Each structure stands twice: as structure tokens, then as C-alpha cells.
Amino acid sequence: MKNVDSRLYYQGVLHKKRSETALEYLDRLGLKNRWKYLPDEFSVRQKQRVSIARVLISQPQIFWYSKNGIKN
């Protein structure tokens, strides 16, 4: 979860709010039950979803995602 909420940390958001927000985004991407897992315990697709959550948590105006070059 620290991987997802790190952007909020640098924005000065308090720990409780960061945790709640990170769990919300992980839940949206189907990873809420895996929030305690380490990065090397995720599949490639789960790692992709974590990186998407990391981007979305900062609420960008534009989000461009390309699947090119990703091997299944």
C-alpha cells in the first residue's frame, strides 16, 4: 500500500486519509484483499493494476495507458 499512497505522502496528506484513499483505489482495481503483499508476490497483471492505482490516486487530468510491449 505504501507504493500506492506515496504520492499523497509527498502532498502532505495525513496517514489515515492516505491509507483510506489507497485502499479505495486498490479496491476499485480488485486488489484490496492483497494490500499487505510485497511487490514480488504480485503477478505481472497485478503489478500493472498497482501502478495504475498509483497514478489514479493523484487524480491526473489525463491518464494515458498503453498495453504495447507488455507480454502476458
PDB file of N, CA and C in Angstrom:
ATOM      1  N   MET A   1       0.823  -1.189   0.000  1.00  0.00           N
ATOM      2  CA  MET A   1       0.000   0.000   0.000  1.00  0.00           C
ATOM      3  C   MET A   1       0.870   1.256   0.000  1.00  0.00           C
ATOM      4  N   LYS A   2       2.045   1.164   0.596  1.00  0.00           N
ATOM      5  CA  LYS A   2       2.931   2.328   0.603  1.00  0.00           C
ATOM      6  C   LYS A   2       3.305   2.735  -0.815  1.00  0.00           C
ATOM      7  N   ASN A   3       3.357   1.753  -1.707  1.00  0.00           N
ATOM      8  CA  ASN A   3       3.665   2.028  -3.095  1.00  0.00           C
ATOM      9  C   ASN A   3       2.571   2.886  -3.730  1.00  0.00           C
ATOM     10  N   VAL A   4       1.337   2.686  -3.322  1.00  0.00           N
ATOM     11  CA  VAL A   4       0.208   3.422  -3.887  1.00  0.00           C
ATOM     12  C   VAL A   4       0.055   4.788  -3.228  1.00  0.00           C
ATOM     13  N   ASP A   5       0.190   4.865  -1.917  1.00  0.00           N
ATOM     14  CA  ASP A   5      -0.083   6.135  -1.228  1.00  0.00           C
ATOM     15  C   ASP A   5       1.116   7.085  -1.139  1.00  0.00           C
ATOM     16  N   SER A   6       2.240   6.722  -1.713  1.00  0.00           N
ATOM     17  CA  SER A   6       3.438   7.564  -1.607  1.00  0.00           C
ATOM     18  C   SER A   6       3.241   8.951  -2.218  1.00  0.00           C
ATOM     19  N   ARG A   7       2.474   9.042  -3.287  1.00  0.00           N
ATOM     20  CA  ARG A   7       2.229  10.364  -3.893  1.00  0.00           C
ATOM     21  C   ARG A   7       1.471  11.283  -2.937  1.00  0.00           C
ATOM     22  N   LEU A   8       0.541  10.711  -2.179  1.00  0.00           N
ATOM     23  CA  LEU A   8      -0.208  11.514  -1.214  1.00  0.00           C
ATOM     24  C   LEU A   8       0.684  11.943  -0.050  1.00  0.00           C
ATOM     25  N   TYR A   9       1.640  11.104   0.293  1.00  0.00           N
ATOM     26  CA  TYR A   9       2.590  11.447   1.355  1.00  0.00           C
ATOM     27  C   TYR A   9       3.327  12.733   0.997  1.00  0.00           C
ATOM     28  N   TYR A  10       3.806  12.819  -0.235  1.00  0.00           N
ATOM     29  CA  TYR A  10       4.556  13.999  -0.674  1.00  0.00           C
ATOM     30  C   TYR A  10       3.664  15.216  -0.875  1.00  0.00           C
ATOM     31  N   GLN A  11       2.356  14.991  -0.924  1.00  0.00           N
ATOM     32  CA  GLN A  11       1.415  16.113  -0.999  1.00  0.00           C
ATOM     33  C   GLN A  11       1.003  16.584   0.389  1.00  0.00           C
ATOM     34  N   GLY A  12       1.492  15.904   1.435  1.00  0.00           N
ATOM     35  CA  GLY A  12       1.213  16.317   2.800  1.00  0.00           C
ATOM     36  C   GLY A  12      -0.079  15.774   3.387  1.00  0.00           C
ATOM     37  N   VAL A  13      -0.654  14.746   2.766  1.00  0.00           N
ATOM     38  CA  VAL A  13      -1.895  14.156   3.259  1.00  0.00           C
ATOM     39  C   VAL A  13      -1.581  13.307   4.491  1.00  0.00           C
ATOM     40  N   LEU A  14      -2.426  13.400   5.509  1.00  0.00           N
ATOM     41  CA  LEU A  14      -2.220  12.646   6.743  1.00  0.00           C
ATOM     42  C   LEU A  14      -2.328  11.140   6.521  1.00  0.00           C
ATOM     43  N   HIS A  15      -1.652  10.376   7.379  1.00  0.00           N
ATOM     44  CA  HIS A  15      -1.543   8.920   7.236  1.00  0.00           C
ATOM     45  C   HIS A  15      -2.899   8.230   7.121  1.00  0.00           C
ATOM     46  N   LYS A  16      -3.835   8.555   7.983  1.00  0.00           N
ATOM     47  CA  LYS A  16      -5.142   7.893   7.971  1.00  0.00           C
ATOM     48  C   LYS A  16      -5.858   8.112   6.641  1.00  0.00           C
ATOM     49  N   LYS A  17      -5.856   9.334   6.154  1.00  0.00           N
ATOM     50  CA  LYS A  17      -6.507   9.662   4.888  1.00  0.00           C
ATOM     51  C   LYS A  17      -5.788   8.975   3.720  1.00  0.00           C
ATOM     52  N   ARG A  18      -4.451   8.929   3.769  1.00  0.00           N
ATOM     53  CA  ARG A  18      -3.682   8.240   2.715  1.00  0.00           C
ATOM     54  C   ARG A  18      -4.059   6.772   2.653  1.00  0.00           C
ATOM     55  N   SER A  19      -4.133   6.130   3.824  1.00  0.00           N
ATOM     56  CA  SER A  19      -4.464   4.702   3.879  1.00  0.00           C
ATOM     57  C   SER A  19      -5.867   4.435   3.347  1.00  0.00           C
ATOM     58  N   GLU A  20      -6.825   5.255   3.757  1.00  0.00           N
ATOM     59  CA  GLU A  20      -8.207   5.085   3.298  1.00  0.00           C
ATOM     60  C   GLU A  20      -8.300   5.255   1.781  1.00  0.00           C
ATOM     61  N   THR A  21      -7.633   6.261   1.266  1.00  0.00           N
ATOM     62  CA  THR A  21      -7.673   6.540  -0.166  1.00  0.00           C
ATOM     63  C   THR A  21      -6.984   5.440  -0.955  1.00  0.00           C
ATOM     64  N   ALA A  22      -5.834   4.974  -0.463  1.00  0.00           N
ATOM     65  CA  ALA A  22      -5.113   3.899  -1.152  1.00  0.00           C
ATOM     66  C   ALA A  22      -5.952   2.625  -1.189  1.00  0.00           C
ATOM     67  N   LEU A  23      -6.586   2.289  -0.084  1.00  0.00           N
ATOM     68  CA  LEU A  23      -7.446   1.095  -0.053  1.00  0.00           C
ATOM     69  C   LEU A  23      -8.629   1.235  -1.012  1.00  0.00           C
ATOM     70  N   GLU A  24      -9.152   2.436  -1.113  1.00  0.00           N
ATOM     71  CA  GLU A  24     -10.263   2.681  -2.037  1.00  0.00           C
ATOM     72  C   GLU A  24      -9.829   2.409  -3.481  1.00  0.00           C
ATOM     73  N   TYR A  25      -8.663   2.918  -3.864  1.00  0.00           N
ATOM     74  CA  TYR A  25      -8.192   2.707  -5.233  1.00  0.00           C
ATOM     75  C   TYR A  25      -7.796   1.255  -5.480  1.00  0.00           C
ATOM     76  N   LEU A  26      -7.209   0.605  -4.496  1.00  0.00           N
ATOM     77  CA  LEU A  26      -6.886  -0.809  -4.642  1.00  0.00           C
ATOM     78  C   LEU A  26      -8.164  -1.637  -4.782  1.00  0.00           C
ATOM     79  N   ASP A  27      -9.210  -1.252  -4.048  1.00  0.00           N
ATOM     80  CA  ASP A  27     -10.493  -1.942  -4.141  1.00  0.00           C
ATOM     81  C   ASP A  27     -11.092  -1.773  -5.536  1.00  0.00           C
ATOM     82  N   ARG A  28     -11.014  -0.586  -6.075  1.00  0.00           N
ATOM     83  CA  ARG A  28     -11.540  -0.327  -7.421  1.00  0.00           C
ATOM     84  C   ARG A  28     -10.877  -1.215  -8.468  1.00  0.00           C
ATOM     85  N   LEU A  29      -9.611  -1.557  -8.218  1.00  0.00           N
ATOM     86  CA  LEU A  29      -8.856  -2.369  -9.177  1.00  0.00           C
ATOM     87  C   LEU A  29      -8.775  -3.836  -8.770  1.00  0.00           C
ATOM     88  N   GLY A  30      -9.569  -4.230  -7.771  1.00  0.00           N
ATOM     89  CA  GLY A  30      -9.654  -5.623  -7.382  1.00  0.00           C
ATOM     90  C   GLY A  30      -8.481  -6.145  -6.574  1.00  0.00           C
ATOM     91  N   LEU A  31      -7.778  -5.262  -5.871  1.00  0.00           N
ATOM     92  CA  LEU A  31      -6.595  -5.672  -5.112  1.00  0.00           C
ATOM     93  C   LEU A  31      -6.683  -5.366  -3.623  1.00  0.00           C
ATOM     94  N   LYS A  32      -7.850  -5.021  -3.138  1.00  0.00           N
ATOM     95  CA  LYS A  32      -7.977  -4.624  -1.736  1.00  0.00           C
ATOM     96  C   LYS A  32      -7.559  -5.743  -0.779  1.00  0.00           C
ATOM     97  N   ASN A  33      -7.861  -6.976  -1.129  1.00  0.00           N
ATOM     98  CA  ASN A  33      -7.519  -8.091  -0.248  1.00  0.00           C
ATOM     99  C   ASN A  33      -6.024  -8.436  -0.280  1.00  0.00           C
ATOM    100  N   ARG A  34      -5.251  -7.775  -1.139  1.00  0.00           N
ATOM    101  CA  ARG A  34      -3.817  -8.054  -1.252  1.00  0.00           C
ATOM    102  C   ARG A  34      -2.959  -6.857  -0.828  1.00  0.00           C
ATOM    103  N   TRP A  35      -3.513  -5.959  -0.030  1.00  0.00           N
ATOM    104  CA  TRP A  35      -2.794  -4.733   0.312  1.00  0.00           C
ATOM    105  C   TRP A  35      -1.552  -4.985   1.158  1.00  0.00           C
ATOM    106  N   LYS A  36      -1.458  -6.112   1.854  1.00  0.00           N
ATOM    107  CA  LYS A  36      -0.289  -6.405   2.681  1.00  0.00           C
ATOM    108  C   LYS A  36       0.816  -7.135   1.916  1.00  0.00           C
ATOM    109  N   TYR A  37       0.560  -7.508   0.693  1.00  0.00           N
ATOM    110  CA  TYR A  37       1.525  -8.285  -0.079  1.00  0.00           C
ATOM    111  C   TYR A  37       2.706  -7.421  -0.524  1.00  0.00           C
ATOM    112  N   LEU A  38       3.844  -8.050  -0.687  1.00  0.00           N
ATOM    113  CA  LEU A  38       5.037  -7.375  -1.205  1.00  0.00           C
ATOM    114  C   LEU A  38       4.996  -7.376  -2.730  1.00  0.00           C
ATOM    115  N   PRO A  39       5.680  -6.420  -3.375  1.00  0.00           N
ATOM    116  CA  PRO A  39       5.621  -6.334  -4.835  1.00  0.00           C
ATOM    117  C   PRO A  39       6.006  -7.626  -5.564  1.00  0.00           C
ATOM    118  N   ASP A  40       6.977  -8.366  -5.053  1.00  0.00           N
ATOM    119  CA  ASP A  40       7.379  -9.581  -5.760  1.00  0.00           C
ATOM    120  C   ASP A  40       6.386 -10.732  -5.576  1.00  0.00           C
ATOM    121  N   GLU A  41       5.350 -10.529  -4.795  1.00  0.00           N
ATOM    122  CA  GLU A  41       4.299 -11.537  -4.614  1.00  0.00           C
ATOM    123  C   GLU A  41       3.112 -11.326  -5.563  1.00  0.00           C
ATOM    124  N   PHE A  42       3.179 -10.285  -6.384  1.00  0.00           N
ATOM    125  CA  PHE A  42       2.124  -9.984  -7.341  1.00  0.00           C
ATOM    126  C   PHE A  42       2.449 -10.576  -8.707  1.00  0.00           C
ATOM    127  N   SER A  43       1.397 -10.913  -9.443  1.00  0.00           N
ATOM    128  CA  SER A  43       1.584 -11.316 -10.836  1.00  0.00           C
ATOM    129  C   SER A  43       1.868 -10.054 -11.656  1.00  0.00           C
ATOM    130  N   VAL A  44       2.230 -10.255 -12.908  1.00  0.00           N
ATOM    131  CA  VAL A  44       2.523  -9.112 -13.785  1.00  0.00           C
ATOM    132  C   VAL A  44       1.293  -8.219 -13.913  1.00  0.00           C
ATOM    133  N   ARG A  45       0.146  -8.817 -14.100  1.00  0.00           N
ATOM    134  CA  ARG A  45      -1.081  -8.013 -14.255  1.00  0.00           C
ATOM    135  C   ARG A  45      -1.446  -7.284 -12.969  1.00  0.00           C
ATOM    136  N   GLN A  46      -1.215  -7.903 -11.833  1.00  0.00           N
ATOM    137  CA  GLN A  46      -1.486  -7.225 -10.561  1.00  0.00           C
ATOM    138  C   GLN A  46      -0.533  -6.053 -10.376  1.00  0.00           C
ATOM    139  N   LYS A  47       0.713  -6.212 -10.781  1.00  0.00           N
ATOM    140  CA  LYS A  47       1.675  -5.101 -10.711  1.00  0.00           C
ATOM    141  C   LYS A  47       1.221  -3.951 -11.600  1.00  0.00           C
ATOM    142  N   GLN A  48       0.653  -4.275 -12.751  1.00  0.00           N
ATOM    143  CA  GLN A  48       0.134  -3.235 -13.641  1.00  0.00           C
ATOM    144  C   GLN A  48      -1.015  -2.486 -12.972  1.00  0.00           C
ATOM    145  N   ARG A  49      -1.901  -3.218 -12.306  1.00  0.00           N
ATOM    146  CA  ARG A  49      -3.025  -2.574 -11.622  1.00  0.00           C
ATOM    147  C   ARG A  49      -2.554  -1.707 -10.457  1.00  0.00           C
ATOM    148  N   VAL A  50      -1.505  -2.134  -9.748  1.00  0.00           N
ATOM    149  CA  VAL A  50      -0.944  -1.317  -8.672  1.00  0.00           C
ATOM    150  C   VAL A  50      -0.383  -0.020  -9.254  1.00  0.00           C
ATOM    151  N   SER A  51       0.315  -0.101 -10.380  1.00  0.00           N
ATOM    152  CA  SER A  51       0.855   1.121 -10.967  1.00  0.00           C
ATOM    153  C   SER A  51      -0.246   2.033 -11.484  1.00  0.00           C
ATOM    154  N   ILE A  52      -1.351   1.461 -11.952  1.00  0.00           N
ATOM    155  CA  ILE A  52      -2.498   2.281 -12.361  1.00  0.00           C
ATOM    156  C   ILE A  52      -3.090   2.977 -11.139  1.00  0.00           C
ATOM    157  N   ALA A  53      -3.238   2.260 -10.036  1.00  0.00           N
ATOM    158  CA  ALA A  53      -3.751   2.864  -8.797  1.00  0.00           C
ATOM    159  C   ALA A  53      -2.836   3.986  -8.330  1.00  0.00           C
ATOM    160  N   ARG A  54      -1.522   3.788  -8.463  1.00  0.00           N
ATOM    161  CA  ARG A  54      -0.556   4.795  -8.040  1.00  0.00           C
ATOM    162  C   ARG A  54      -0.713   6.090  -8.843  1.00  0.00           C
ATOM    163  N   VAL A  55      -1.037   5.947 -10.120  1.00  0.00           N
ATOM    164  CA  VAL A  55      -1.265   7.131 -10.958  1.00  0.00           C
ATOM    165  C   VAL A  55      -2.612   7.766 -10.635  1.00  0.00           C
ATOM    166  N   LEU A  56      -3.654   6.955 -10.550  1.00  0.00           N
ATOM    167  CA  LEU A  56      -5.011   7.486 -10.349  1.00  0.00           C
ATOM    168  C   LEU A  56      -5.192   8.167  -8.996  1.00  0.00           C
ATOM    169  N   ILE A  57      -4.446   7.734  -7.988  1.00  0.00           N
ATOM    170  CA  ILE A  57      -4.609   8.314  -6.653  1.00  0.00           C
ATOM    171  C   ILE A  57      -4.247   9.803  -6.639  1.00  0.00           C
ATOM    172  N   SER A  58      -3.401  10.210  -7.562  1.00  0.00           N
ATOM    173  CA  SER A  58      -3.027  11.626  -7.631  1.00  0.00           C
ATOM    174  C   SER A  58      -4.003  12.441  -8.477  1.00  0.00           C
ATOM    175  N   GLN A  59      -5.053  11.783  -8.976  1.00  0.00           N
ATOM    176  CA  GLN A  59      -6.134  12.402  -9.736  1.00  0.00           C
ATOM    177  C   GLN A  59      -5.631  13.263 -10.898  1.00  0.00           C
ATOM    178  N   PRO A  60      -4.954  12.637 -11.850  1.00  0.00           N
ATOM    179  CA  PRO A  60      -4.456  13.399 -13.001  1.00  0.00           C
ATOM    180  C   PRO A  60      -5.595  13.834 -13.919  1.00  0.00           C
ATOM    181  N   GLN A  61      -5.371  14.903 -14.657  1.00  0.00           N
ATOM    182  CA  GLN A  61      -6.382  15.347 -15.604  1.00  0.00           C
ATOM    183  C   GLN A  61      -6.423  14.417 -16.813  1.00  0.00           C
ATOM    184  N   ILE A  62      -5.250  13.885 -17.180  1.00  0.00           N
ATOM    185  CA  ILE A  62      -5.151  12.978 -18.315  1.00  0.00           C
ATOM    186  C   ILE A  62      -4.386  11.737 -17.871  1.00  0.00           C
ATOM    187  N   PHE A  63      -4.872  10.577 -18.292  1.00  0.00           N
ATOM    188  CA  PHE A  63      -4.195   9.323 -17.978  1.00  0.00           C
ATOM    189  C   PHE A  63      -4.118   8.516 -19.255  1.00  0.00           C
ATOM    190  N   TRP A  64      -2.922   8.261 -19.730  1.00  0.00           N
ATOM    191  CA  TRP A  64      -2.708   7.513 -20.961  1.00  0.00           C
ATOM    192  C   TRP A  64      -2.102   6.176 -20.602  1.00  0.00           C
ATOM    193  N   TYR A  65      -2.767   5.102 -21.008  1.00  0.00           N
ATOM    194  CA  TYR A  65      -2.295   3.756 -20.704  1.00  0.00           C
ATOM    195  C   TYR A  65      -2.166   2.991 -22.009  1.00  0.00           C
ATOM    196  N   SER A  66      -1.004   2.455 -22.240  1.00  0.00           N
ATOM    197  CA  SER A  66      -0.770   1.669 -23.441  1.00  0.00           C
ATOM    198  C   SER A  66      -0.321   0.279 -23.044  1.00  0.00           C
ATOM    199  N   LYS A  67      -0.937  -0.715 -23.619  1.00  0.00           N
ATOM    200  CA  LYS A  67      -0.590  -2.090 -23.312  1.00  0.00           C
ATOM    201  C   LYS A  67       0.530  -2.614 -24.226  1.00  0.00           C
ATOM    202  N   ASN A  68       0.967  -1.815 -25.160  1.00  0.00           N
ATOM    203  CA  ASN A  68       2.008  -2.243 -26.104  1.00  0.00           C
ATOM    204  C   ASN A  68       3.287  -2.620 -25.384  1.00  0.00           C
ATOM    205  N   GLY A  69       3.878  -3.701 -25.792  1.00  0.00           N
ATOM    206  CA  GLY A  69       5.150  -4.121 -25.214  1.00  0.00           C
ATOM    207  C   GLY A  69       5.024  -4.969 -23.959  1.00  0.00           C
ATOM    208  N   ILE A  70       3.823  -5.182 -23.490  1.00  0.00           N
ATOM    209  CA  ILE A  70       3.619  -5.986 -22.285  1.00  0.00           C
ATOM    210  C   ILE A  70       3.350  -7.424 -22.717  1.00  0.00           C
ATOM    211  N   LYS A  71       4.151  -8.315 -22.208  1.00  0.00           N
ATOM    212  CA  LYS A  71       3.977  -9.730 -22.542  1.00  0.00           C
ATOM    213  C   LYS A  71       3.163 -10.417 -21.464  1.00  0.00           C
ATOM    214  N   ASN A  72       2.205 -11.219 -21.868  1.00  0.00           N
ATOM    215  CA  ASN A  72       1.355 -11.943 -20.929  1.00  0.00           C
ATOM    216  C   ASN A  72       1.999 -13.229 -20.488  1.00  0.00           C
TER     217      ASN A  72
END
